[in-house]
Amino acid sequence: MSKINQEKKLPEIQARRTVAQSRFFKVEQVDLEFSNGVKREFERMAGSGRGAVMIIALTDDDHFLLIREYSAGTHSYQIGFPKGLIDPGENPEEAANRELQEEAGFKAENYTPLKQLAMAPTFFDAHMHLLIAEGLTESHLEGDEPEPLDVIKWPFDDIASLLARDDFCEARSVAALLLLQRWRNA
């Protein structure tokens, strides 16, 4: 087993170009030269640079909020935490407060950053900020969802049942749930 080399030099980017683009995604080809002289072409989805948020909204009665929404990638309805992109000019807390109001109908008094996750860093330049939301009060904002989302209040003492569900399978939500458990036990 080898030791992690923290001082390893990053590959040098020789060239970058867009090889495909849609309304939502831009695929770049990146030509790299590694410190040992090896050259490779990689493709990656270029992110907007703004990032995204996922909100773990805690209620006062030992529950947390989830939403159930349509997922086009799997053509199914999935349960997960409220989430969305950070709009231009917003910080993660502002984006979390907006998304929570749009998707779950609540705003929060306090936001605590939990962790920043990279989403498939080998292929995708995007980060998601996980935030704990506390001090919830009802507040609704119009969102961009095509249909109303189901808001589910889930008890902390039944996390095993949530993890066993087939419709709770998004890796970011599972990671957020496990980080939440660790945060609560700290």
Protein backbone atom coordinates (compact mmCIF):
# COMPACT_ATOMS: atom_id res chain seq x y z
CA MET A 1 0.00 0.00 0.00
CA SER A 2 1.36 3.42 -0.88
CA LYS A 3 1.30 6.65 1.04
CA ILE A 4 -0.76 9.60 -0.29
CA ASN A 5 1.54 12.11 -1.94
CA GLN A 6 0.01 15.51 -1.04
CA GLU A 7 2.69 17.36 -3.03
CA LYS A 8 1.95 15.68 -6.36
CA LYS A 9 1.97 18.24 -9.16
CA LEU A 10 -1.33 18.72 -11.01
CA PRO A 11 -1.30 17.86 -14.72
CA GLU A 12 -0.83 20.82 -17.04
CA ILE A 13 -3.85 21.69 -19.20
CA GLN A 14 -2.60 21.90 -22.80
CA ALA A 15 -5.97 22.69 -24.40
CA ARG A 16 -9.71 22.80 -23.66
CA ARG A 17 -12.59 22.77 -26.11
CA THR A 18 -16.34 22.20 -26.06
CA VAL A 19 -17.22 18.92 -27.81
CA ALA A 20 -20.98 18.85 -27.02
CA GLN A 21 -23.55 21.17 -25.53
CA SER A 22 -27.23 21.19 -24.56
CA ARG A 23 -29.45 23.60 -22.63
CA PHE A 24 -28.17 22.12 -19.36
CA PHE A 25 -24.73 20.63 -20.02
CA LYS A 26 -21.46 21.49 -21.72
CA VAL A 27 -18.98 18.67 -22.36
CA GLU A 28 -15.35 19.72 -22.61
CA GLN A 29 -12.38 17.82 -23.92
CA VAL A 30 -9.33 18.60 -21.81
CA ASP A 31 -5.85 17.75 -23.13
CA LEU A 32 -3.48 17.13 -20.22
CA GLU A 33 0.19 16.49 -19.70
CA PHE A 34 1.14 14.78 -16.44
CA SER A 35 4.37 15.50 -14.57
CA ASN A 36 5.84 12.22 -15.86
CA GLY A 37 5.32 13.38 -19.48
CA VAL A 38 2.27 11.19 -20.22
CA LYS A 39 -0.40 12.99 -22.27
CA ARG A 40 -4.11 12.15 -22.08
CA GLU A 41 -7.43 13.51 -23.35
CA PHE A 42 -10.23 13.63 -20.78
CA GLU A 43 -13.85 14.62 -21.21
CA ARG A 44 -15.76 16.33 -18.46
CA MET A 45 -19.04 18.14 -17.96
CA ALA A 46 -18.23 21.75 -17.22
CA GLY A 47 -20.11 23.18 -14.25
CA SER A 48 -21.48 26.69 -13.92
CA GLY A 49 -19.09 27.40 -11.06
CA ARG A 50 -21.97 28.43 -8.78
CA GLY A 51 -22.64 25.03 -7.22
CA ALA A 52 -25.78 23.66 -5.64
CA VAL A 53 -27.32 23.16 -2.21
CA MET A 54 -29.05 20.29 -0.42
CA ILE A 55 -31.05 21.18 2.67
CA ILE A 56 -31.54 18.94 5.69
CA ALA A 57 -34.50 20.66 7.35
CA LEU A 58 -34.99 19.68 11.00
CA THR A 59 -38.37 20.06 12.67
CA ASP A 60 -38.78 20.68 16.39
CA ASP A 61 -40.23 17.23 17.06
CA ASP A 62 -37.31 14.94 16.14
CA HIS A 63 -38.17 14.70 12.43
CA PHE A 64 -36.64 15.98 9.19
CA LEU A 65 -38.23 16.94 5.88
CA LEU A 66 -37.91 15.08 2.60
CA ILE A 67 -39.51 15.68 -0.76
CA ARG A 68 -40.82 13.27 -3.36
CA GLU A 69 -40.33 14.43 -6.93
CA TYR A 70 -40.07 13.12 -10.46
CA SER A 71 -36.55 12.15 -11.57
CA ALA A 72 -36.16 12.20 -15.35
CA GLY A 73 -32.88 10.23 -15.29
CA THR A 74 -34.58 7.14 -13.89
CA HIS A 75 -38.14 7.99 -15.02
CA SER A 76 -39.39 7.46 -11.50
CA TYR A 77 -40.49 9.32 -8.39
CA GLN A 78 -37.72 9.54 -5.80
CA ILE A 79 -37.54 10.67 -2.19
CA GLY A 80 -34.68 12.91 -1.13
CA PHE A 81 -33.75 16.15 0.57
CA PRO A 82 -34.73 19.49 -1.01
CA LYS A 83 -32.01 20.74 -3.33
CA GLY A 84 -31.24 23.10 -6.18
CA LEU A 85 -28.73 25.30 -7.95
CA ILE A 86 -27.24 28.42 -6.43
CA ASP A 87 -28.48 31.37 -8.47
CA PRO A 88 -26.10 34.17 -9.55
CA GLY A 89 -25.44 36.53 -6.64
CA GLU A 90 -26.59 34.04 -3.96
CA ASN A 91 -24.47 32.45 -1.29
CA PRO A 92 -25.23 28.85 -0.23
CA GLU A 93 -27.39 29.92 2.75
CA GLU A 94 -29.52 32.24 0.59
CA ALA A 95 -29.94 29.54 -2.05
CA ALA A 96 -30.87 26.99 0.63
CA ASN A 97 -33.49 29.31 2.10
CA ARG A 98 -35.01 29.97 -1.35
CA GLU A 99 -35.01 26.29 -2.37
CA LEU A 100 -36.51 25.20 0.96
CA GLN A 101 -39.38 27.66 0.48
CA GLU A 102 -39.91 26.63 -3.15
CA GLU A 103 -39.78 22.88 -2.60
CA ALA A 104 -40.99 22.29 0.96
CA GLY A 105 -42.89 25.45 1.94
CA PHE A 106 -40.62 26.45 4.85
CA LYS A 107 -37.89 28.93 5.63
CA ALA A 108 -35.33 28.54 8.39
CA GLU A 109 -33.87 30.86 11.02
CA ASN A 110 -30.49 29.11 11.08
CA TYR A 111 -28.36 27.33 8.51
CA THR A 112 -25.32 25.31 9.51
CA PRO A 113 -22.92 24.15 6.78
CA LEU A 114 -22.42 20.39 7.14
CA LYS A 115 -20.11 19.43 4.25
CA GLN A 116 -19.37 20.23 0.64
CA LEU A 117 -19.63 17.23 -1.68
CA ALA A 118 -18.14 16.82 -5.13
CA MET A 119 -20.50 15.15 -7.55
CA ALA A 120 -18.54 12.63 -9.66
CA PRO A 121 -15.31 14.70 -9.65
CA THR A 122 -13.70 12.56 -12.34
CA PHE A 123 -16.27 13.75 -14.89
CA PHE A 124 -18.19 16.69 -13.44
CA ASP A 125 -16.95 20.04 -12.12
CA ALA A 126 -19.74 20.74 -9.61
CA HIS A 127 -20.08 20.97 -5.85
CA MET A 128 -23.06 20.61 -3.56
CA HIS A 129 -23.22 22.34 -0.19
CA LEU A 130 -25.05 20.31 2.47
CA LEU A 131 -26.71 22.56 5.03
CA ILE A 132 -28.68 21.85 8.22
CA ALA A 133 -31.77 24.09 8.48
CA GLU A 134 -33.29 24.77 11.90
CA GLY A 135 -36.00 27.05 13.25
CA LEU A 136 -38.52 26.33 10.49
CA THR A 137 -41.56 28.47 9.80
CA GLU A 138 -44.05 28.06 7.00
CA SER A 139 -43.22 30.18 3.95
CA HIS A 140 -43.90 29.46 0.29
CA LEU A 141 -42.16 30.71 -2.85
CA GLU A 142 -43.05 29.80 -6.42
CA GLY A 143 -40.51 27.34 -7.81
CA ASP A 144 -39.76 25.89 -11.21
CA GLU A 145 -41.16 22.41 -10.55
CA PRO A 146 -43.77 21.27 -13.09
CA GLU A 147 -46.02 19.83 -10.36
CA PRO A 148 -46.38 20.23 -6.60
CA LEU A 149 -43.83 18.20 -4.64
CA ASP A 150 -44.85 15.85 -1.86
CA VAL A 151 -43.33 16.95 1.46
CA ILE A 152 -42.64 14.08 3.84
CA LYS A 153 -41.92 14.49 7.54
CA TRP A 154 -39.66 11.57 8.52
CA PRO A 155 -38.83 10.52 12.11
CA PHE A 156 -35.20 10.16 13.16
CA ASP A 157 -36.01 6.90 14.92
CA ASP A 158 -37.00 5.26 11.60
CA ILE A 159 -33.91 5.92 9.45
CA ALA A 160 -33.44 2.19 8.81
CA SER A 161 -36.81 2.07 7.01
CA LEU A 162 -35.87 5.08 4.90
CA LEU A 163 -32.57 3.49 3.84
CA ALA A 164 -34.44 0.28 2.93
CA ARG A 165 -36.78 2.06 0.50
CA ASP A 166 -36.20 1.60 -3.23
CA ASP A 167 -37.21 5.22 -3.87
CA PHE A 168 -34.56 6.63 -1.49
CA CYS A 169 -31.46 5.79 -3.50
CA GLU A 170 -29.82 9.02 -4.63
CA ALA A 171 -26.22 8.87 -3.38
CA ARG A 172 -26.17 12.54 -2.30
CA SER A 173 -29.27 12.08 -0.12
CA VAL A 174 -27.91 8.88 1.41
CA ALA A 175 -24.60 10.62 2.14
CA ALA A 176 -26.46 13.60 3.64
CA LEU A 177 -28.48 11.30 5.88
CA LEU A 178 -25.39 9.52 7.16
CA LEU A 179 -23.58 12.85 7.74
CA LEU A 180 -26.67 14.09 9.58
CA GLN A 181 -26.57 11.10 11.90
CA ARG A 182 -22.90 11.77 12.64
CA TRP A 183 -23.62 15.48 13.24
CA ARG A 184 -26.43 14.65 15.69
CA ASN A 185 -24.22 12.21 17.61
CA ALA A 186 -21.27 14.64 17.90
